[in-house]
Amino acid sequence: MNVQEAIMAFAQSEKIKSGLIWASNGIELLEGLAMTEKPGAESVVRGLINMVFHEVSISKNVAQDEIWEEIEKNLDQALVMINSGVASGSLVHLTQALSKVTSIGHRSMTFLKDEGLL
């Protein structure tokens, strides 16, 4: 990892973590909605996860790390759960993705600290 990759990885990880937290909260809120409101809310959460997916794709190019591909798999699995009508089942996959993104952010921040940049 070089300084530029570490900076990009840290910035992207923070952005992606926020999106994952928003998506997870949205899924938890789905449980309290009426059946007529759920399809629209699921569509919003699905769109948010797709935006996070796009950011992960960008991250793979600017801050190369094989963990980004694992995060994509977690996001794919979360979308499958939502599309299958069991949105609450996607929380496990989103949490796994969040843990991996946090690890990337921690590694990049540690690298930047070691370089005396933070």
PDB file of N, CA and C in Angstrom:
ATOM      1  N   MET A   1       0.862  -1.174   0.000  1.00  0.00           N
ATOM      2  CA  MET A   1       0.000   0.000   0.000  1.00  0.00           C
ATOM      3  C   MET A   1       0.905   1.233   0.000  1.00  0.00           C
ATOM      4  N   ASN A   2       0.569   2.182  -0.859  1.00  0.00           N
ATOM      5  CA  ASN A   2       1.289   3.453  -0.850  1.00  0.00           C
ATOM      6  C   ASN A   2       0.390   4.534  -0.249  1.00  0.00           C
ATOM      7  N   VAL A   3       0.936   5.733  -0.101  1.00  0.00           N
ATOM      8  CA  VAL A   3       0.202   6.810   0.572  1.00  0.00           C
ATOM      9  C   VAL A   3      -1.094   7.151  -0.166  1.00  0.00           C
ATOM     10  N   GLN A   4      -1.013   7.265  -1.475  1.00  0.00           N
ATOM     11  CA  GLN A   4      -2.213   7.620  -2.249  1.00  0.00           C
ATOM     12  C   GLN A   4      -3.303   6.551  -2.094  1.00  0.00           C
ATOM     13  N   GLU A   5      -2.920   5.284  -2.183  1.00  0.00           N
ATOM     14  CA  GLU A   5      -3.904   4.208  -2.012  1.00  0.00           C
ATOM     15  C   GLU A   5      -4.495   4.225  -0.603  1.00  0.00           C
ATOM     16  N   ALA A   6      -3.655   4.489   0.394  1.00  0.00           N
ATOM     17  CA  ALA A   6      -4.134   4.524   1.776  1.00  0.00           C
ATOM     18  C   ALA A   6      -5.140   5.656   1.979  1.00  0.00           C
ATOM     19  N   ILE A   7      -4.863   6.808   1.402  1.00  0.00           N
ATOM     20  CA  ILE A   7      -5.784   7.943   1.511  1.00  0.00           C
ATOM     21  C   ILE A   7      -7.111   7.605   0.841  1.00  0.00           C
ATOM     22  N   MET A   8      -7.050   7.051  -0.356  1.00  0.00           N
ATOM     23  CA  MET A   8      -8.276   6.694  -1.076  1.00  0.00           C
ATOM     24  C   MET A   8      -9.044   5.596  -0.342  1.00  0.00           C
ATOM     25  N   ALA A   9      -8.326   4.595   0.177  1.00  0.00           N
ATOM     26  CA  ALA A   9      -8.986   3.505   0.898  1.00  0.00           C
ATOM     27  C   ALA A   9      -9.685   4.041   2.140  1.00  0.00           C
ATOM     28  N   PHE A  10      -9.012   4.941   2.856  1.00  0.00           N
ATOM     29  CA  PHE A  10      -9.618   5.491   4.069  1.00  0.00           C
ATOM     30  C   PHE A  10     -10.862   6.311   3.723  1.00  0.00           C
ATOM     31  N   ALA A  11     -10.746   7.178   2.723  1.00  0.00           N
ATOM     32  CA  ALA A  11     -11.886   8.018   2.333  1.00  0.00           C
ATOM     33  C   ALA A  11     -13.057   7.165   1.846  1.00  0.00           C
ATOM     34  N   GLN A  12     -12.774   6.201   1.009  1.00  0.00           N
ATOM     35  CA  GLN A  12     -13.838   5.346   0.483  1.00  0.00           C
ATOM     36  C   GLN A  12     -14.455   4.493   1.587  1.00  0.00           C
ATOM     37  N   SER A  13     -13.617   3.996   2.500  1.00  0.00           N
ATOM     38  CA  SER A  13     -14.166   3.146   3.554  1.00  0.00           C
ATOM     39  C   SER A  13     -15.140   3.923   4.426  1.00  0.00           C
ATOM     40  N   GLU A  14     -14.829   5.177   4.706  1.00  0.00           N
ATOM     41  CA  GLU A  14     -15.737   5.990   5.528  1.00  0.00           C
ATOM     42  C   GLU A  14     -17.063   6.228   4.805  1.00  0.00           C
ATOM     43  N   LYS A  15     -16.986   6.499   3.520  1.00  0.00           N
ATOM     44  CA  LYS A  15     -18.202   6.730   2.736  1.00  0.00           C
ATOM     45  C   LYS A  15     -19.047   5.448   2.662  1.00  0.00           C
ATOM     46  N   ILE A  16     -18.391   4.333   2.425  1.00  0.00           N
ATOM     47  CA  ILE A  16     -19.099   3.062   2.293  1.00  0.00           C
ATOM     48  C   ILE A  16     -19.692   2.627   3.630  1.00  0.00           C
ATOM     49  N   LYS A  17     -18.956   2.834   4.711  1.00  0.00           N
ATOM     50  CA  LYS A  17     -19.498   2.502   6.038  1.00  0.00           C
ATOM     51  C   LYS A  17     -20.792   3.264   6.294  1.00  0.00           C
ATOM     52  N   SER A  18     -20.809   4.535   5.951  1.00  0.00           N
ATOM     53  CA  SER A  18     -22.026   5.331   6.150  1.00  0.00           C
ATOM     54  C   SER A  18     -23.192   4.753   5.362  1.00  0.00           C
ATOM     55  N   GLY A  19     -22.947   4.403   4.115  1.00  0.00           N
ATOM     56  CA  GLY A  19     -24.002   3.829   3.286  1.00  0.00           C
ATOM     57  C   GLY A  19     -24.511   2.504   3.832  1.00  0.00           C
ATOM     58  N   LEU A  20     -23.605   1.675   4.336  1.00  0.00           N
ATOM     59  CA  LEU A  20     -24.010   0.387   4.902  1.00  0.00           C
ATOM     60  C   LEU A  20     -24.844   0.573   6.166  1.00  0.00           C
ATOM     61  N   ILE A  21     -24.473   1.541   6.969  1.00  0.00           N
ATOM     62  CA  ILE A  21     -25.241   1.818   8.184  1.00  0.00           C
ATOM     63  C   ILE A  21     -26.633   2.327   7.823  1.00  0.00           C
ATOM     64  N   TRP A  22     -26.710   3.231   6.848  1.00  0.00           N
ATOM     65  CA  TRP A  22     -28.013   3.733   6.396  1.00  0.00           C
ATOM     66  C   TRP A  22     -28.874   2.587   5.871  1.00  0.00           C
ATOM     67  N   ALA A  23     -28.280   1.723   5.050  1.00  0.00           N
ATOM     68  CA  ALA A  23     -29.049   0.605   4.477  1.00  0.00           C
ATOM     69  C   ALA A  23     -29.538  -0.331   5.583  1.00  0.00           C
ATOM     70  N   SER A  24     -28.674  -0.630   6.531  1.00  0.00           N
ATOM     71  CA  SER A  24     -29.069  -1.511   7.647  1.00  0.00           C
ATOM     72  C   SER A  24     -30.202  -0.898   8.458  1.00  0.00           C
ATOM     73  N   ASN A  25     -30.103   0.389   8.737  1.00  0.00           N
ATOM     74  CA  ASN A  25     -31.178   1.061   9.479  1.00  0.00           C
ATOM     75  C   ASN A  25     -32.475   1.048   8.683  1.00  0.00           C
ATOM     76  N   GLY A  26     -32.368   1.241   7.382  1.00  0.00           N
ATOM     77  CA  GLY A  26     -33.562   1.196   6.528  1.00  0.00           C
ATOM     78  C   GLY A  26     -34.233  -0.160   6.569  1.00  0.00           C
ATOM     79  N   ILE A  27     -33.442  -1.210   6.563  1.00  0.00           N
ATOM     80  CA  ILE A  27     -34.008  -2.559   6.611  1.00  0.00           C
ATOM     81  C   ILE A  27     -34.684  -2.802   7.959  1.00  0.00           C
ATOM     82  N   GLU A  28     -34.069  -2.326   9.023  1.00  0.00           N
ATOM     83  CA  GLU A  28     -34.689  -2.484  10.338  1.00  0.00           C
ATOM     84  C   GLU A  28     -36.012  -1.727  10.418  1.00  0.00           C
ATOM     85  N   LEU A  29     -36.089  -0.578   9.776  1.00  0.00           N
ATOM     86  CA  LEU A  29     -37.334   0.203   9.764  1.00  0.00           C
ATOM     87  C   LEU A  29     -38.432  -0.482   8.960  1.00  0.00           C
ATOM     88  N   LEU A  30     -38.050  -1.305   7.983  1.00  0.00           N
ATOM     89  CA  LEU A  30     -39.037  -2.006   7.160  1.00  0.00           C
ATOM     90  C   LEU A  30     -39.986  -2.855   8.002  1.00  0.00           C
ATOM     91  N   GLU A  31     -39.454  -3.398   9.068  1.00  0.00           N
ATOM     92  CA  GLU A  31     -40.252  -4.299   9.902  1.00  0.00           C
ATOM     93  C   GLU A  31     -41.486  -3.608  10.480  1.00  0.00           C
ATOM     94  N   GLY A  32     -41.420  -2.314  10.690  1.00  0.00           N
ATOM     95  CA  GLY A  32     -42.537  -1.603  11.291  1.00  0.00           C
ATOM     96  C   GLY A  32     -43.518  -1.014  10.284  1.00  0.00           C
ATOM     97  N   LEU A  33     -43.283  -1.226   9.006  1.00  0.00           N
ATOM     98  CA  LEU A  33     -44.150  -0.649   7.977  1.00  0.00           C
ATOM     99  C   LEU A  33     -45.315  -1.565   7.635  1.00  0.00           C
ATOM    100  N   ALA A  34     -46.370  -0.947   7.169  1.00  0.00           N
ATOM    101  CA  ALA A  34     -47.521  -1.711   6.675  1.00  0.00           C
ATOM    102  C   ALA A  34     -47.128  -2.410   5.372  1.00  0.00           C
ATOM    103  N   MET A  35     -47.792  -3.502   5.078  1.00  0.00           N
ATOM    104  CA  MET A  35     -47.476  -4.282   3.869  1.00  0.00           C
ATOM    105  C   MET A  35     -47.553  -3.444   2.597  1.00  0.00           C
ATOM    106  N   THR A  36     -48.446  -2.472   2.569  1.00  0.00           N
ATOM    107  CA  THR A  36     -48.577  -1.636   1.370  1.00  0.00           C
ATOM    108  C   THR A  36     -47.408  -0.673   1.206  1.00  0.00           C
ATOM    109  N   GLU A  37     -46.719  -0.376   2.300  1.00  0.00           N
ATOM    110  CA  GLU A  37     -45.596   0.563   2.250  1.00  0.00           C
ATOM    111  C   GLU A  37     -44.251  -0.127   2.015  1.00  0.00           C
ATOM    112  N   LYS A  38     -44.174  -1.412   2.284  1.00  0.00           N
ATOM    113  CA  LYS A  38     -42.899  -2.126   2.204  1.00  0.00           C
ATOM    114  C   LYS A  38     -42.262  -2.143   0.813  1.00  0.00           C
ATOM    115  N   PRO A  39     -43.023  -2.366  -0.264  1.00  0.00           N
ATOM    116  CA  PRO A  39     -42.361  -2.399  -1.574  1.00  0.00           C
ATOM    117  C   PRO A  39     -41.623  -1.100  -1.922  1.00  0.00           C
ATOM    118  N   GLY A  40     -42.215   0.015  -1.608  1.00  0.00           N
ATOM    119  CA  GLY A  40     -41.550   1.288  -1.874  1.00  0.00           C
ATOM    120  C   GLY A  40     -40.312   1.486  -1.025  1.00  0.00           C
ATOM    121  N   ALA A  41     -40.417   1.119   0.249  1.00  0.00           N
ATOM    122  CA  ALA A  41     -39.279   1.243   1.155  1.00  0.00           C
ATOM    123  C   ALA A  41     -38.158   0.288   0.745  1.00  0.00           C
ATOM    124  N   GLU A  42     -38.512  -0.922   0.351  1.00  0.00           N
ATOM    125  CA  GLU A  42     -37.503  -1.880  -0.122  1.00  0.00           C
ATOM    126  C   GLU A  42     -36.797  -1.351  -1.360  1.00  0.00           C
ATOM    127  N   SER A  43     -37.532  -0.678  -2.216  1.00  0.00           N
ATOM    128  CA  SER A  43     -36.939  -0.089  -3.412  1.00  0.00           C
ATOM    129  C   SER A  43     -35.910   0.984  -3.059  1.00  0.00           C
ATOM    130  N   VAL A  44     -36.221   1.783  -2.051  1.00  0.00           N
ATOM    131  CA  VAL A  44     -35.286   2.813  -1.600  1.00  0.00           C
ATOM    132  C   VAL A  44     -34.023   2.163  -1.034  1.00  0.00           C
ATOM    133  N   VAL A  45     -34.179   1.148  -0.195  1.00  0.00           N
ATOM    134  CA  VAL A  45     -33.027   0.457   0.401  1.00  0.00           C
ATOM    135  C   VAL A  45     -32.208  -0.224  -0.694  1.00  0.00           C
ATOM    136  N   ARG A  46     -32.880  -0.843  -1.645  1.00  0.00           N
ATOM    137  CA  ARG A  46     -32.191  -1.494  -2.761  1.00  0.00           C
ATOM    138  C   ARG A  46     -31.356  -0.473  -3.537  1.00  0.00           C
ATOM    139  N   GLY A  47     -31.923   0.701  -3.769  1.00  0.00           N
ATOM    140  CA  GLY A  47     -31.184   1.763  -4.458  1.00  0.00           C
ATOM    141  C   GLY A  47     -29.967   2.212  -3.675  1.00  0.00           C
ATOM    142  N   LEU A  48     -30.105   2.309  -2.371  1.00  0.00           N
ATOM    143  CA  LEU A  48     -28.986   2.695  -1.517  1.00  0.00           C
ATOM    144  C   LEU A  48     -27.880   1.647  -1.572  1.00  0.00           C
ATOM    145  N   ILE A  49     -28.255   0.377  -1.500  1.00  0.00           N
ATOM    146  CA  ILE A  49     -27.254  -0.691  -1.576  1.00  0.00           C
ATOM    147  C   ILE A  49     -26.562  -0.672  -2.935  1.00  0.00           C
ATOM    148  N   ASN A  50     -27.303  -0.395  -3.994  1.00  0.00           N
ATOM    149  CA  ASN A  50     -26.685  -0.296  -5.319  1.00  0.00           C
ATOM    150  C   ASN A  50     -25.701   0.867  -5.396  1.00  0.00           C
ATOM    151  N   MET A  51     -25.999   1.985  -4.727  1.00  0.00           N
ATOM    152  CA  MET A  51     -25.047   3.102  -4.690  1.00  0.00           C
ATOM    153  C   MET A  51     -23.785   2.700  -3.934  1.00  0.00           C
ATOM    154  N   VAL A  52     -23.951   1.984  -2.827  1.00  0.00           N
ATOM    155  CA  VAL A  52     -22.794   1.496  -2.069  1.00  0.00           C
ATOM    156  C   VAL A  52     -21.984   0.536  -2.937  1.00  0.00           C
ATOM    157  N   PHE A  53     -22.673  -0.319  -3.663  1.00  0.00           N
ATOM    158  CA  PHE A  53     -22.020  -1.273  -4.563  1.00  0.00           C
ATOM    159  C   PHE A  53     -21.156  -0.522  -5.574  1.00  0.00           C
ATOM    160  N   HIS A  54     -21.671   0.560  -6.100  1.00  0.00           N
ATOM    161  CA  HIS A  54     -20.927   1.379  -7.064  1.00  0.00           C
ATOM    162  C   HIS A  54     -19.664   1.950  -6.414  1.00  0.00           C
ATOM    163  N   GLU A  55     -19.768   2.429  -5.200  1.00  0.00           N
ATOM    164  CA  GLU A  55     -18.603   2.967  -4.485  1.00  0.00           C
ATOM    165  C   GLU A  55     -17.561   1.883  -4.236  1.00  0.00           C
ATOM    166  N   VAL A  56     -18.012   0.671  -3.946  1.00  0.00           N
ATOM    167  CA  VAL A  56     -17.077  -0.442  -3.755  1.00  0.00           C
ATOM    168  C   VAL A  56     -16.355  -0.736  -5.069  1.00  0.00           C
ATOM    169  N   SER A  57     -17.071  -0.672  -6.176  1.00  0.00           N
ATOM    170  CA  SER A  57     -16.448  -0.897  -7.484  1.00  0.00           C
ATOM    171  C   SER A  57     -15.368   0.151  -7.764  1.00  0.00           C
ATOM    172  N   ILE A  58     -15.647   1.386  -7.424  1.00  0.00           N
ATOM    173  CA  ILE A  58     -14.652   2.451  -7.579  1.00  0.00           C
ATOM    174  C   ILE A  58     -13.452   2.164  -6.682  1.00  0.00           C
ATOM    175  N   SER A  59     -13.727   1.742  -5.460  1.00  0.00           N
ATOM    176  CA  SER A  59     -12.660   1.471  -4.492  1.00  0.00           C
ATOM    177  C   SER A  59     -11.720   0.383  -4.975  1.00  0.00           C
ATOM    178  N   LYS A  60     -12.262  -0.629  -5.648  1.00  0.00           N
ATOM    179  CA  LYS A  60     -11.422  -1.703  -6.173  1.00  0.00           C
ATOM    180  C   LYS A  60     -10.369  -1.154  -7.122  1.00  0.00           C
ATOM    181  N   ASN A  61     -10.702  -0.078  -7.829  1.00  0.00           N
ATOM    182  CA  ASN A  61      -9.776   0.490  -8.810  1.00  0.00           C
ATOM    183  C   ASN A  61      -8.791   1.474  -8.202  1.00  0.00           C
ATOM    184  N   VAL A  62      -9.218   2.248  -7.219  1.00  0.00           N
ATOM    185  CA  VAL A  62      -8.356   3.303  -6.678  1.00  0.00           C
ATOM    186  C   VAL A  62      -7.606   2.882  -5.418  1.00  0.00           C
ATOM    187  N   ALA A  63      -8.081   1.869  -4.738  1.00  0.00           N
ATOM    188  CA  ALA A  63      -7.444   1.399  -3.508  1.00  0.00           C
ATOM    189  C   ALA A  63      -7.482  -0.120  -3.506  1.00  0.00           C
ATOM    190  N   GLN A  64      -6.640  -0.697  -4.306  1.00  0.00           N
ATOM    191  CA  GLN A  64      -6.720  -2.126  -4.559  1.00  0.00           C
ATOM    192  C   GLN A  64      -6.489  -2.952  -3.309  1.00  0.00           C
ATOM    193  N   ASP A  65      -7.437  -3.857  -3.098  1.00  0.00           N
ATOM    194  CA  ASP A  65      -7.407  -4.779  -1.966  1.00  0.00           C
ATOM    195  C   ASP A  65      -8.395  -5.886  -2.305  1.00  0.00           C
ATOM    196  N   GLU A  66      -7.995  -7.136  -2.123  1.00  0.00           N
ATOM    197  CA  GLU A  66      -8.883  -8.247  -2.489  1.00  0.00           C
ATOM    198  C   GLU A  66     -10.142  -8.304  -1.637  1.00  0.00           C
ATOM    199  N   ILE A  67     -10.142  -7.633  -0.499  1.00  0.00           N
ATOM    200  CA  ILE A  67     -11.320  -7.647   0.366  1.00  0.00           C
ATOM    201  C   ILE A  67     -12.502  -6.937  -0.293  1.00  0.00           C
ATOM    202  N   TRP A  68     -12.235  -5.982  -1.183  1.00  0.00           N
ATOM    203  CA  TRP A  68     -13.343  -5.293  -1.864  1.00  0.00           C
ATOM    204  C   TRP A  68     -14.229  -6.298  -2.598  1.00  0.00           C
ATOM    205  N   GLU A  69     -13.621  -7.339  -3.188  1.00  0.00           N
ATOM    206  CA  GLU A  69     -14.423  -8.351  -3.891  1.00  0.00           C
ATOM    207  C   GLU A  69     -15.309  -9.130  -2.918  1.00  0.00           C
ATOM    208  N   GLU A  70     -14.788  -9.403  -1.732  1.00  0.00           N
ATOM    209  CA  GLU A  70     -15.597 -10.079  -0.715  1.00  0.00           C
ATOM    210  C   GLU A  70     -16.765  -9.198  -0.289  1.00  0.00           C
ATOM    211  N   ILE A  71     -16.524  -7.904  -0.211  1.00  0.00           N
ATOM    212  CA  ILE A  71     -17.587  -6.961   0.152  1.00  0.00           C
ATOM    213  C   ILE A  71     -18.659  -6.955  -0.936  1.00  0.00           C
ATOM    214  N   GLU A  72     -18.229  -7.001  -2.194  1.00  0.00           N
ATOM    215  CA  GLU A  72     -19.202  -7.076  -3.291  1.00  0.00           C
ATOM    216  C   GLU A  72     -20.073  -8.325  -3.168  1.00  0.00           C
ATOM    217  N   LYS A  73     -19.472  -9.431  -2.791  1.00  0.00           N
ATOM    218  CA  LYS A  73     -20.249 -10.674  -2.613  1.00  0.00           C
ATOM    219  C   LYS A  73     -21.273 -10.511  -1.492  1.00  0.00           C
ATOM    220  N   ASN A  74     -20.853  -9.855  -0.394  1.00  0.00           N
ATOM    221  CA  ASN A  74     -21.800  -9.606   0.698  1.00  0.00           C
ATOM    222  C   ASN A  74     -22.960  -8.743   0.225  1.00  0.00           C
ATOM    223  N   LEU A  75     -22.667  -7.723  -0.566  1.00  0.00           N
ATOM    224  CA  LEU A  75     -23.723  -6.840  -1.070  1.00  0.00           C
ATOM    225  C   LEU A  75     -24.637  -7.589  -2.030  1.00  0.00           C
ATOM    226  N   ASP A  76     -24.057  -8.451  -2.875  1.00  0.00           N
ATOM    227  CA  ASP A  76     -24.865  -9.283  -3.768  1.00  0.00           C
ATOM    228  C   ASP A  76     -25.833 -10.150  -2.968  1.00  0.00           C
ATOM    229  N   GLN A  77     -25.324 -10.774  -1.919  1.00  0.00           N
ATOM    230  CA  GLN A  77     -26.159 -11.645  -1.095  1.00  0.00           C
ATOM    231  C   GLN A  77     -27.254 -10.844  -0.394  1.00  0.00           C
ATOM    232  N   ALA A  78     -26.927  -9.633   0.045  1.00  0.00           N
ATOM    233  CA  ALA A  78     -27.942  -8.788   0.683  1.00  0.00           C
ATOM    234  C   ALA A  78     -29.046  -8.449  -0.310  1.00  0.00           C
ATOM    235  N   LEU A  79     -28.674  -8.126  -1.536  1.00  0.00           N
ATOM    236  CA  LEU A  79     -29.682  -7.804  -2.551  1.00  0.00           C
ATOM    237  C   LEU A  79     -30.546  -9.019  -2.883  1.00  0.00           C
ATOM    238  N   VAL A  80     -29.944 -10.199  -2.911  1.00  0.00           N
ATOM    239  CA  VAL A  80     -30.717 -11.421  -3.166  1.00  0.00           C
ATOM    240  C   VAL A  80     -31.761 -11.610  -2.068  1.00  0.00           C
ATOM    241  N   MET A  81     -31.374 -11.381  -0.835  1.00  0.00           N
ATOM    242  CA  MET A  81     -32.317 -11.528   0.282  1.00  0.00           C
ATOM    243  C   MET A  81     -33.468 -10.538   0.155  1.00  0.00           C
ATOM    244  N   ILE A  82     -33.149  -9.295  -0.176  1.00  0.00           N
ATOM    245  CA  ILE A  82     -34.201  -8.281  -0.329  1.00  0.00           C
ATOM    246  C   ILE A  82     -35.116  -8.652  -1.485  1.00  0.00           C
ATOM    247  N   ASN A  83     -34.525  -9.045  -2.608  1.00  0.00           N
ATOM    248  CA  ASN A  83     -35.320  -9.401  -3.789  1.00  0.00           C
ATOM    249  C   ASN A  83     -36.162 -10.653  -3.563  1.00  0.00           C
ATOM    250  N   SER A  84     -35.760 -11.486  -2.607  1.00  0.00           N
ATOM    251  CA  SER A  84     -36.500 -12.710  -2.289  1.00  0.00           C
ATOM    252  C   SER A  84     -37.606 -12.475  -1.278  1.00  0.00           C
ATOM    253  N   GLY A  85     -37.731 -11.241  -0.805  1.00  0.00           N
ATOM    254  CA  GLY A  85     -38.801 -10.922   0.132  1.00  0.00           C
ATOM    255  C   GLY A  85     -38.447 -11.127   1.590  1.00  0.00           C
ATOM    256  N   VAL A  86     -37.184 -11.381   1.883  1.00  0.00           N
ATOM    257  CA  VAL A  86     -36.746 -11.539   3.266  1.00  0.00           C
ATOM    258  C   VAL A  86     -35.639 -10.517   3.559  1.00  0.00           C
ATOM    259  N   ALA A  87     -36.046  -9.270   3.528  1.00  0.00           N
ATOM    260  CA  ALA A  87     -35.092  -8.172   3.691  1.00  0.00           C
ATOM    261  C   ALA A  87     -34.331  -8.264   5.001  1.00  0.00           C
ATOM    262  N   SER A  88     -34.984  -8.726   6.056  1.00  0.00           N
ATOM    263  CA  SER A  88     -34.299  -8.804   7.350  1.00  0.00           C
ATOM    264  C   SER A  88     -33.113  -9.762   7.299  1.00  0.00           C
ATOM    265  N   GLY A  89     -33.154 -10.721   6.411  1.00  0.00           N
ATOM    266  CA  GLY A  89     -32.041 -11.659   6.247  1.00  0.00           C
ATOM    267  C   GLY A  89     -30.806 -11.023   5.644  1.00  0.00           C
ATOM    268  N   SER A  90     -30.975  -9.867   5.052  1.00  0.00           N
ATOM    269  CA  SER A  90     -29.833  -9.184   4.437  1.00  0.00           C
ATOM    270  C   SER A  90     -28.948  -8.503   5.468  1.00  0.00           C
ATOM    271  N   LEU A  91     -29.464  -8.311   6.684  1.00  0.00           N
ATOM    272  CA  LEU A  91     -28.681  -7.628   7.723  1.00  0.00           C
ATOM    273  C   LEU A  91     -27.378  -8.356   8.034  1.00  0.00           C
ATOM    274  N   VAL A  92     -27.401  -9.663   8.007  1.00  0.00           N
ATOM    275  CA  VAL A  92     -26.184 -10.437   8.267  1.00  0.00           C
ATOM    276  C   VAL A  92     -25.119 -10.094   7.234  1.00  0.00           C
ATOM    277  N   HIS A  93     -25.507 -10.037   5.985  1.00  0.00           N
ATOM    278  CA  HIS A  93     -24.556  -9.767   4.904  1.00  0.00           C
ATOM    279  C   HIS A  93     -24.058  -8.327   4.948  1.00  0.00           C
ATOM    280  N   LEU A  94     -24.943  -7.405   5.280  1.00  0.00           N
ATOM    281  CA  LEU A  94     -24.527  -6.010   5.400  1.00  0.00           C
ATOM    282  C   LEU A  94     -23.575  -5.817   6.578  1.00  0.00           C
ATOM    283  N   THR A  95     -23.822  -6.541   7.658  1.00  0.00           N
ATOM    284  CA  THR A  95     -22.942  -6.464   8.825  1.00  0.00           C
ATOM    285  C   THR A  95     -21.567  -7.041   8.498  1.00  0.00           C
ATOM    286  N   GLN A  96     -21.537  -8.130   7.760  1.00  0.00           N
ATOM    287  CA  GLN A  96     -20.253  -8.707   7.335  1.00  0.00           C
ATOM    288  C   GLN A  96     -19.494  -7.719   6.448  1.00  0.00           C
ATOM    289  N   ALA A  97     -20.202  -7.078   5.534  1.00  0.00           N
ATOM    290  CA  ALA A  97     -19.568  -6.080   4.666  1.00  0.00           C
ATOM    291  C   ALA A  97     -19.033  -4.920   5.496  1.00  0.00           C
ATOM    292  N   LEU A  98     -19.815  -4.474   6.466  1.00  0.00           N
ATOM    293  CA  LEU A  98     -19.395  -3.372   7.327  1.00  0.00           C
ATOM    294  C   LEU A  98     -18.126  -3.724   8.096  1.00  0.00           C
ATOM    295  N   SER A  99     -18.049  -4.929   8.594  1.00  0.00           N
ATOM    296  CA  SER A  99     -16.861  -5.374   9.318  1.00  0.00           C
ATOM    297  C   SER A  99     -15.626  -5.347   8.416  1.00  0.00           C
ATOM    298  N   LYS A 100     -15.783  -5.801   7.187  1.00  0.00           N
ATOM    299  CA  LYS A 100     -14.659  -5.823   6.241  1.00  0.00           C
ATOM    300  C   LYS A 100     -14.236  -4.420   5.838  1.00  0.00           C
ATOM    301  N   VAL A 101     -15.205  -3.546   5.631  1.00  0.00           N
ATOM    302  CA  VAL A 101     -14.892  -2.159   5.272  1.00  0.00           C
ATOM    303  C   VAL A 101     -14.180  -1.473   6.432  1.00  0.00           C
ATOM    304  N   THR A 102     -14.618  -1.757   7.643  1.00  0.00           N
ATOM    305  CA  THR A 102     -13.976  -1.185   8.824  1.00  0.00           C
ATOM    306  C   THR A 102     -12.517  -1.639   8.910  1.00  0.00           C
ATOM    307  N   SER A 103     -12.262  -2.895   8.568  1.00  0.00           N
ATOM    308  CA  SER A 103     -10.888  -3.407   8.573  1.00  0.00           C
ATOM    309  C   SER A 103     -10.017  -2.667   7.564  1.00  0.00           C
ATOM    310  N   ILE A 104     -10.550  -2.422   6.390  1.00  0.00           N
ATOM    311  CA  ILE A 104      -9.800  -1.675   5.376  1.00  0.00           C
ATOM    312  C   ILE A 104      -9.494  -0.274   5.878  1.00  0.00           C
ATOM    313  N   GLY A 105     -10.489   0.380   6.447  1.00  0.00           N
ATOM    314  CA  GLY A 105     -10.292   1.728   6.977  1.00  0.00           C
ATOM    315  C   GLY A 105      -9.250   1.748   8.079  1.00  0.00           C
ATOM    316  N   HIS A 106      -9.288   0.753   8.952  1.00  0.00           N
ATOM    317  CA  HIS A 106      -8.334   0.679  10.057  1.00  0.00           C
ATOM    318  C   HIS A 106      -6.909   0.475   9.527  1.00  0.00           C
ATOM    319  N   ARG A 107      -6.772  -0.447   8.582  1.00  0.00           N
ATOM    320  CA  ARG A 107      -5.445  -0.690   8.005  1.00  0.00           C
ATOM    321  C   ARG A 107      -4.879   0.541   7.329  1.00  0.00           C
ATOM    322  N   SER A 108      -5.718   1.231   6.568  1.00  0.00           N
ATOM    323  CA  SER A 108      -5.233   2.421   5.856  1.00  0.00           C
ATOM    324  C   SER A 108      -4.910   3.546   6.834  1.00  0.00           C
ATOM    325  N   MET A 109      -5.712   3.704   7.881  1.00  0.00           N
ATOM    326  CA  MET A 109      -5.441   4.736   8.871  1.00  0.00           C
ATOM    327  C   MET A 109      -4.145   4.421   9.620  1.00  0.00           C
ATOM    328  N   THR A 110      -3.932   3.169   9.949  1.00  0.00           N
ATOM    329  CA  THR A 110      -2.694   2.777  10.620  1.00  0.00           C
ATOM    330  C   THR A 110      -1.483   3.064   9.733  1.00  0.00           C
ATOM    331  N   PHE A 111      -1.605   2.757   8.445  1.00  0.00           N
ATOM    332  CA  PHE A 111      -0.527   3.051   7.501  1.00  0.00           C
ATOM    333  C   PHE A 111      -0.234   4.540   7.460  1.00  0.00           C
ATOM    334  N   LEU A 112      -1.270   5.358   7.386  1.00  0.00           N
ATOM    335  CA  LEU A 112      -1.099   6.807   7.325  1.00  0.00           C
ATOM    336  C   LEU A 112      -0.495   7.342   8.627  1.00  0.00           C
ATOM    337  N   LYS A 113      -0.867   6.762   9.752  1.00  0.00           N
ATOM    338  CA  LYS A 113      -0.260   7.169  11.043  1.00  0.00           C
ATOM    339  C   LYS A 113       1.225   6.820  11.063  1.00  0.00           C
ATOM    340  N   ASP A 114       1.528   5.607  10.610  1.00  0.00           N
ATOM    341  CA  ASP A 114       2.928   5.164  10.579  1.00  0.00           C
ATOM    342  C   ASP A 114       3.782   6.055   9.673  1.00  0.00           C
ATOM    343  N   GLU A 115       3.157   6.598   8.651  1.00  0.00           N
ATOM    344  CA  GLU A 115       3.858   7.497   7.730  1.00  0.00           C
ATOM    345  C   GLU A 115       3.927   8.938   8.275  1.00  0.00           C
ATOM    346  N   GLY A 116       3.283   9.167   9.416  1.00  0.00           N
ATOM    347  CA  GLY A 116       3.290  10.493  10.022  1.00  0.00           C
ATOM    348  C   GLY A 116       2.337  11.466   9.354  1.00  0.00           C
ATOM    349  N   LEU A 117       1.342  10.951   8.655  1.00  0.00           N
ATOM    350  CA  LEU A 117       0.390  11.815   7.935  1.00  0.00           C
ATOM    351  C   LEU A 117      -0.894  12.048   8.705  1.00  0.00           C
ATOM    352  N   LEU A 118      -1.097  11.331   9.785  1.00  0.00           N
ATOM    353  CA  LEU A 118      -2.286  11.534  10.643  1.00  0.00           C
ATOM    354  C   LEU A 118      -1.843  11.715  12.069  1.00  0.00           C
TER     355      LEU A 118
END
